[in-house]
Amino acid sequence: MTQDRFFLDTVFIQAILNSRDQYHQVAKDFLPRVRNAKEVWITEAIFMEVSNALSNYNRQKVSAFIRQCYSTDNISVVNITPQLFQEGLKLYESRQDKNWGLVDCISFTVMEKKI
């Protein structure tokens, strides 16, 4: 196990799960670092974004990945509590100069607190 700490985002997970994704090979090459990392963080909002994006691809594969994350020792799944949602929404509202989506803002909030 390394001392690496990662936050998994939608693009990475989609690339891992979808062999036709343009970043699939890059993500596959990076995956051993994720598996050996000390800590890996992901939010349920990311799971929702991925499952929506890949709903026509392979639902069983996506569902299996999500379920596996909940039982993988080095992965912490962050629940979207009302408080976290409100904090993400506050950031979303305050950064009109950015094109960040609400899920991005929730992710940034989690990264600021956890990583």
N, C-alpha and C. Protein backbone atom coordinates (compact mmCIF):
# COMPACT_ATOMS: atom_id res chain seq x y z
N MET A 1 0.84 -1.18 0.00
CA MET A 1 0.00 0.00 0.00
C MET A 1 0.89 1.25 0.00
N THR A 2 0.52 2.19 -0.85
CA THR A 2 1.26 3.45 -0.95
C THR A 2 0.60 4.50 -0.06
N GLN A 3 1.22 5.64 0.05
CA GLN A 3 0.64 6.75 0.80
C GLN A 3 -0.26 7.64 -0.06
N ASP A 4 -0.49 7.23 -1.30
CA ASP A 4 -1.34 8.01 -2.20
C ASP A 4 -2.75 8.13 -1.65
N ARG A 5 -3.36 9.29 -1.92
CA ARG A 5 -4.75 9.55 -1.57
C ARG A 5 -5.42 10.14 -2.81
N PHE A 6 -6.54 9.55 -3.21
CA PHE A 6 -7.20 9.98 -4.44
C PHE A 6 -8.68 10.25 -4.22
N PHE A 7 -9.20 11.12 -5.05
CA PHE A 7 -10.63 11.34 -5.15
C PHE A 7 -11.03 10.91 -6.55
N LEU A 8 -11.91 9.93 -6.66
CA LEU A 8 -12.33 9.45 -7.97
C LEU A 8 -13.44 10.33 -8.52
N ASP A 9 -13.29 10.71 -9.77
CA ASP A 9 -14.31 11.55 -10.40
C ASP A 9 -15.05 10.76 -11.47
N THR A 10 -16.06 11.38 -12.00
CA THR A 10 -16.93 10.75 -12.99
C THR A 10 -16.15 10.32 -14.23
N VAL A 11 -15.29 11.17 -14.72
CA VAL A 11 -14.55 10.86 -15.95
C VAL A 11 -13.71 9.60 -15.78
N PHE A 12 -13.04 9.47 -14.65
CA PHE A 12 -12.20 8.30 -14.41
C PHE A 12 -13.05 7.02 -14.35
N ILE A 13 -14.13 7.07 -13.61
CA ILE A 13 -14.96 5.87 -13.45
C ILE A 13 -15.60 5.48 -14.78
N GLN A 14 -16.10 6.44 -15.51
CA GLN A 14 -16.67 6.13 -16.83
C GLN A 14 -15.62 5.51 -17.73
N ALA A 15 -14.41 6.02 -17.68
CA ALA A 15 -13.34 5.48 -18.52
C ALA A 15 -12.98 4.05 -18.13
N ILE A 16 -12.97 3.76 -16.84
CA ILE A 16 -12.68 2.41 -16.38
C ILE A 16 -13.77 1.44 -16.84
N LEU A 17 -15.02 1.85 -16.70
CA LEU A 17 -16.14 0.95 -16.98
C LEU A 17 -16.46 0.77 -18.45
N ASN A 18 -16.17 1.78 -19.26
CA ASN A 18 -16.55 1.77 -20.67
C ASN A 18 -15.32 1.57 -21.55
N SER A 19 -15.18 0.39 -22.11
CA SER A 19 -14.00 0.09 -22.92
C SER A 19 -13.93 0.92 -24.20
N ARG A 20 -15.03 1.56 -24.58
CA ARG A 20 -15.04 2.42 -25.76
C ARG A 20 -14.70 3.87 -25.44
N ASP A 21 -14.55 4.18 -24.16
CA ASP A 21 -14.25 5.55 -23.74
C ASP A 21 -12.85 5.94 -24.23
N GLN A 22 -12.69 7.18 -24.66
CA GLN A 22 -11.40 7.63 -25.19
C GLN A 22 -10.28 7.58 -24.16
N TYR A 23 -10.62 7.59 -22.87
CA TYR A 23 -9.61 7.57 -21.82
C TYR A 23 -9.50 6.20 -21.14
N HIS A 24 -10.12 5.19 -21.73
CA HIS A 24 -10.15 3.87 -21.10
C HIS A 24 -8.75 3.33 -20.80
N GLN A 25 -7.85 3.37 -21.76
CA GLN A 25 -6.52 2.80 -21.53
C GLN A 25 -5.74 3.60 -20.49
N VAL A 26 -5.84 4.91 -20.53
CA VAL A 26 -5.16 5.74 -19.54
C VAL A 26 -5.67 5.40 -18.14
N ALA A 27 -6.99 5.28 -18.01
CA ALA A 27 -7.58 4.93 -16.71
C ALA A 27 -7.14 3.54 -16.26
N LYS A 28 -7.12 2.59 -17.19
CA LYS A 28 -6.65 1.24 -16.85
C LYS A 28 -5.20 1.25 -16.37
N ASP A 29 -4.38 2.06 -17.01
CA ASP A 29 -2.98 2.16 -16.62
C ASP A 29 -2.82 2.77 -15.22
N PHE A 30 -3.75 3.64 -14.85
CA PHE A 30 -3.70 4.32 -13.55
C PHE A 30 -4.33 3.47 -12.44
N LEU A 31 -5.18 2.54 -12.80
CA LEU A 31 -5.94 1.76 -11.83
C LEU A 31 -5.08 1.07 -10.76
N PRO A 32 -3.91 0.51 -11.07
CA PRO A 32 -3.10 -0.09 -10.00
C PRO A 32 -2.73 0.90 -8.89
N ARG A 33 -2.53 2.15 -9.24
CA ARG A 33 -2.24 3.16 -8.22
C ARG A 33 -3.44 3.37 -7.31
N VAL A 34 -4.62 3.32 -7.88
CA VAL A 34 -5.84 3.47 -7.09
C VAL A 34 -5.99 2.27 -6.15
N ARG A 35 -5.78 1.10 -6.69
CA ARG A 35 -5.92 -0.12 -5.87
C ARG A 35 -4.93 -0.16 -4.71
N ASN A 36 -3.76 0.43 -4.90
CA ASN A 36 -2.71 0.39 -3.88
C ASN A 36 -2.66 1.65 -3.02
N ALA A 37 -3.56 2.57 -3.24
CA ALA A 37 -3.55 3.84 -2.49
C ALA A 37 -3.99 3.62 -1.05
N LYS A 38 -3.48 4.47 -0.21
CA LYS A 38 -3.86 4.45 1.21
C LYS A 38 -5.34 4.78 1.36
N GLU A 39 -5.80 5.83 0.66
CA GLU A 39 -7.18 6.26 0.76
C GLU A 39 -7.71 6.66 -0.61
N VAL A 40 -8.95 6.27 -0.85
CA VAL A 40 -9.64 6.66 -2.08
C VAL A 40 -11.03 7.13 -1.66
N TRP A 41 -11.42 8.29 -2.15
CA TRP A 41 -12.70 8.89 -1.80
C TRP A 41 -13.57 9.00 -3.04
N ILE A 42 -14.86 8.84 -2.83
CA ILE A 42 -15.84 9.02 -3.89
C ILE A 42 -17.16 9.38 -3.23
N THR A 43 -17.99 10.13 -3.93
CA THR A 43 -19.29 10.48 -3.36
C THR A 43 -20.41 9.72 -4.07
N GLU A 44 -21.52 9.63 -3.38
CA GLU A 44 -22.70 9.02 -3.99
C GLU A 44 -23.18 9.85 -5.18
N ALA A 45 -22.91 11.15 -5.16
CA ALA A 45 -23.28 12.00 -6.30
C ALA A 45 -22.53 11.57 -7.56
N ILE A 46 -21.28 11.19 -7.40
CA ILE A 46 -20.49 10.69 -8.54
C ILE A 46 -21.13 9.40 -9.06
N PHE A 47 -21.54 8.51 -8.15
CA PHE A 47 -22.21 7.28 -8.57
C PHE A 47 -23.45 7.59 -9.40
N MET A 48 -24.23 8.58 -8.97
CA MET A 48 -25.44 8.95 -9.70
C MET A 48 -25.10 9.48 -11.09
N GLU A 49 -24.06 10.31 -11.16
CA GLU A 49 -23.65 10.87 -12.44
C GLU A 49 -23.18 9.77 -13.40
N VAL A 50 -22.38 8.85 -12.88
CA VAL A 50 -21.87 7.74 -13.70
C VAL A 50 -23.02 6.84 -14.16
N SER A 51 -23.90 6.49 -13.24
CA SER A 51 -24.99 5.59 -13.62
C SER A 51 -25.92 6.24 -14.62
N ASN A 52 -26.11 7.53 -14.53
CA ASN A 52 -26.91 8.23 -15.54
C ASN A 52 -26.20 8.23 -16.89
N ALA A 53 -24.92 8.54 -16.88
CA ALA A 53 -24.16 8.63 -18.14
C ALA A 53 -24.05 7.27 -18.84
N LEU A 54 -23.97 6.20 -18.06
CA LEU A 54 -23.77 4.87 -18.64
C LEU A 54 -25.04 4.01 -18.60
N SER A 55 -26.19 4.64 -18.47
CA SER A 55 -27.44 3.88 -18.34
C SER A 55 -27.76 3.04 -19.57
N ASN A 56 -27.25 3.43 -20.73
CA ASN A 56 -27.46 2.65 -21.95
C ASN A 56 -26.28 1.76 -22.29
N TYR A 57 -25.28 1.75 -21.42
CA TYR A 57 -24.07 0.98 -21.72
C TYR A 57 -24.13 -0.43 -21.11
N ASN A 58 -24.01 -0.52 -19.79
CA ASN A 58 -23.99 -1.82 -19.13
C ASN A 58 -24.37 -1.63 -17.67
N ARG A 59 -25.65 -1.65 -17.40
CA ARG A 59 -26.15 -1.38 -16.05
C ARG A 59 -25.58 -2.36 -15.02
N GLN A 60 -25.45 -3.64 -15.37
CA GLN A 60 -24.94 -4.64 -14.43
C GLN A 60 -23.50 -4.30 -14.03
N LYS A 61 -22.70 -3.93 -14.99
CA LYS A 61 -21.30 -3.59 -14.72
C LYS A 61 -21.20 -2.36 -13.83
N VAL A 62 -22.01 -1.36 -14.13
CA VAL A 62 -22.01 -0.13 -13.32
C VAL A 62 -22.46 -0.44 -11.90
N SER A 63 -23.55 -1.16 -11.77
CA SER A 63 -24.07 -1.51 -10.44
C SER A 63 -23.04 -2.32 -9.64
N ALA A 64 -22.40 -3.28 -10.30
CA ALA A 64 -21.40 -4.10 -9.61
C ALA A 64 -20.23 -3.24 -9.13
N PHE A 65 -19.81 -2.29 -9.96
CA PHE A 65 -18.72 -1.40 -9.56
C PHE A 65 -19.11 -0.60 -8.32
N ILE A 66 -20.31 -0.01 -8.34
CA ILE A 66 -20.77 0.79 -7.21
C ILE A 66 -20.82 -0.06 -5.95
N ARG A 67 -21.42 -1.22 -6.03
CA ARG A 67 -21.52 -2.10 -4.86
C ARG A 67 -20.14 -2.49 -4.33
N GLN A 68 -19.22 -2.75 -5.24
CA GLN A 68 -17.87 -3.14 -4.83
C GLN A 68 -17.17 -2.00 -4.08
N CYS A 69 -17.42 -0.77 -4.48
CA CYS A 69 -16.80 0.37 -3.80
C CYS A 69 -17.17 0.42 -2.32
N TYR A 70 -18.41 0.07 -2.00
CA TYR A 70 -18.86 0.09 -0.60
C TYR A 70 -18.15 -0.96 0.26
N SER A 71 -17.59 -1.98 -0.36
CA SER A 71 -16.95 -3.03 0.43
C SER A 71 -15.43 -3.11 0.21
N THR A 72 -14.86 -2.15 -0.49
CA THR A 72 -13.42 -2.14 -0.73
C THR A 72 -12.74 -1.38 0.41
N ASP A 73 -11.75 -2.01 1.01
CA ASP A 73 -11.13 -1.48 2.23
C ASP A 73 -10.60 -0.06 2.11
N ASN A 74 -9.95 0.28 1.00
CA ASN A 74 -9.32 1.59 0.92
C ASN A 74 -10.23 2.67 0.31
N ILE A 75 -11.48 2.30 0.01
CA ILE A 75 -12.41 3.27 -0.57
C ILE A 75 -13.41 3.73 0.48
N SER A 76 -13.55 5.04 0.60
CA SER A 76 -14.56 5.64 1.46
C SER A 76 -15.61 6.30 0.58
N VAL A 77 -16.84 5.84 0.71
CA VAL A 77 -17.95 6.42 -0.04
C VAL A 77 -18.61 7.46 0.86
N VAL A 78 -18.67 8.69 0.36
CA VAL A 78 -19.24 9.79 1.13
C VAL A 78 -20.71 9.92 0.77
N ASN A 79 -21.55 9.80 1.79
CA ASN A 79 -23.00 9.96 1.60
C ASN A 79 -23.32 11.43 1.37
N ILE A 80 -24.32 11.66 0.55
CA ILE A 80 -24.76 13.02 0.30
C ILE A 80 -25.82 13.37 1.35
N THR A 81 -25.36 13.97 2.41
CA THR A 81 -26.25 14.40 3.48
C THR A 81 -26.87 15.74 3.09
N PRO A 82 -27.95 16.12 3.74
CA PRO A 82 -28.52 17.45 3.47
C PRO A 82 -27.49 18.57 3.68
N GLN A 83 -26.66 18.43 4.69
CA GLN A 83 -25.63 19.45 4.96
C GLN A 83 -24.62 19.53 3.82
N LEU A 84 -24.12 18.38 3.36
CA LEU A 84 -23.16 18.37 2.26
C LEU A 84 -23.79 18.93 1.01
N PHE A 85 -25.03 18.57 0.74
CA PHE A 85 -25.72 19.10 -0.42
C PHE A 85 -25.81 20.62 -0.35
N GLN A 86 -26.16 21.15 0.81
CA GLN A 86 -26.28 22.60 0.97
C GLN A 86 -24.93 23.30 0.82
N GLU A 87 -23.87 22.69 1.33
CA GLU A 87 -22.53 23.26 1.18
C GLU A 87 -22.12 23.28 -0.28
N GLY A 88 -22.39 22.20 -0.99
CA GLY A 88 -22.10 22.15 -2.42
C GLY A 88 -22.92 23.17 -3.20
N LEU A 89 -24.18 23.32 -2.84
CA LEU A 89 -25.05 24.29 -3.49
C LEU A 89 -24.57 25.72 -3.24
N LYS A 90 -24.10 25.97 -2.03
CA LYS A 90 -23.56 27.31 -1.70
C LYS A 90 -22.35 27.62 -2.59
N LEU A 91 -21.45 26.66 -2.75
CA LEU A 91 -20.29 26.86 -3.63
C LEU A 91 -20.75 27.06 -5.07
N TYR A 92 -21.69 26.25 -5.51
CA TYR A 92 -22.24 26.36 -6.86
C TYR A 92 -22.78 27.77 -7.12
N GLU A 93 -23.52 28.30 -6.16
CA GLU A 93 -24.11 29.63 -6.30
C GLU A 93 -23.05 30.74 -6.26
N SER A 94 -22.01 30.51 -5.48
CA SER A 94 -21.01 31.57 -5.27
C SER A 94 -19.99 31.68 -6.40
N ARG A 95 -19.88 30.69 -7.26
CA ARG A 95 -18.85 30.68 -8.30
C ARG A 95 -19.46 30.82 -9.68
N GLN A 96 -20.09 31.93 -9.89
CA GLN A 96 -20.74 32.21 -11.18
C GLN A 96 -19.72 32.35 -12.31
N ASP A 97 -18.46 32.55 -11.94
CA ASP A 97 -17.40 32.70 -12.94
C ASP A 97 -16.92 31.34 -13.47
N LYS A 98 -17.42 30.23 -12.89
CA LYS A 98 -16.99 28.89 -13.28
C LYS A 98 -18.13 28.14 -13.94
N ASN A 99 -17.78 27.11 -14.68
CA ASN A 99 -18.77 26.24 -15.30
C ASN A 99 -18.94 24.95 -14.51
N TRP A 100 -18.68 24.99 -13.22
CA TRP A 100 -18.77 23.81 -12.38
C TRP A 100 -20.22 23.40 -12.20
N GLY A 101 -20.48 22.11 -12.31
CA GLY A 101 -21.80 21.58 -12.01
C GLY A 101 -21.94 21.38 -10.51
N LEU A 102 -23.15 21.09 -10.08
CA LEU A 102 -23.41 20.88 -8.66
C LEU A 102 -22.63 19.68 -8.12
N VAL A 103 -22.54 18.60 -8.89
CA VAL A 103 -21.77 17.44 -8.44
C VAL A 103 -20.30 17.82 -8.26
N ASP A 104 -19.77 18.63 -9.17
CA ASP A 104 -18.39 19.11 -9.02
C ASP A 104 -18.24 19.89 -7.71
N CYS A 105 -19.18 20.74 -7.43
CA CYS A 105 -19.10 21.57 -6.22
C CYS A 105 -19.19 20.71 -4.95
N ILE A 106 -20.02 19.68 -4.99
CA ILE A 106 -20.07 18.75 -3.86
C ILE A 106 -18.73 18.03 -3.73
N SER A 107 -18.15 17.64 -4.85
CA SER A 107 -16.83 16.98 -4.83
C SER A 107 -15.76 17.90 -4.26
N PHE A 108 -15.74 19.15 -4.68
CA PHE A 108 -14.77 20.10 -4.16
C PHE A 108 -14.92 20.28 -2.66
N THR A 109 -16.15 20.31 -2.20
CA THR A 109 -16.42 20.44 -0.76
C THR A 109 -15.86 19.24 -0.01
N VAL A 110 -16.08 18.06 -0.53
CA VAL A 110 -15.57 16.84 0.11
C VAL A 110 -14.04 16.84 0.09
N MET A 111 -13.45 17.19 -1.04
CA MET A 111 -11.98 17.21 -1.13
C MET A 111 -11.39 18.17 -0.12
N GLU A 112 -12.02 19.31 0.04
CA GLU A 112 -11.52 20.30 1.00
C GLU A 112 -11.55 19.76 2.41
N LYS A 113 -12.53 18.97 2.74
CA LYS A 113 -12.68 18.44 4.09
C LYS A 113 -11.87 17.17 4.33
N LYS A 114 -11.74 16.34 3.32
CA LYS A 114 -11.20 14.99 3.52
C LYS A 114 -9.78 14.79 3.05
N ILE A 115 -9.41 15.46 1.99
CA ILE A 115 -8.12 15.14 1.38
C ILE A 115 -7.11 16.24 1.66
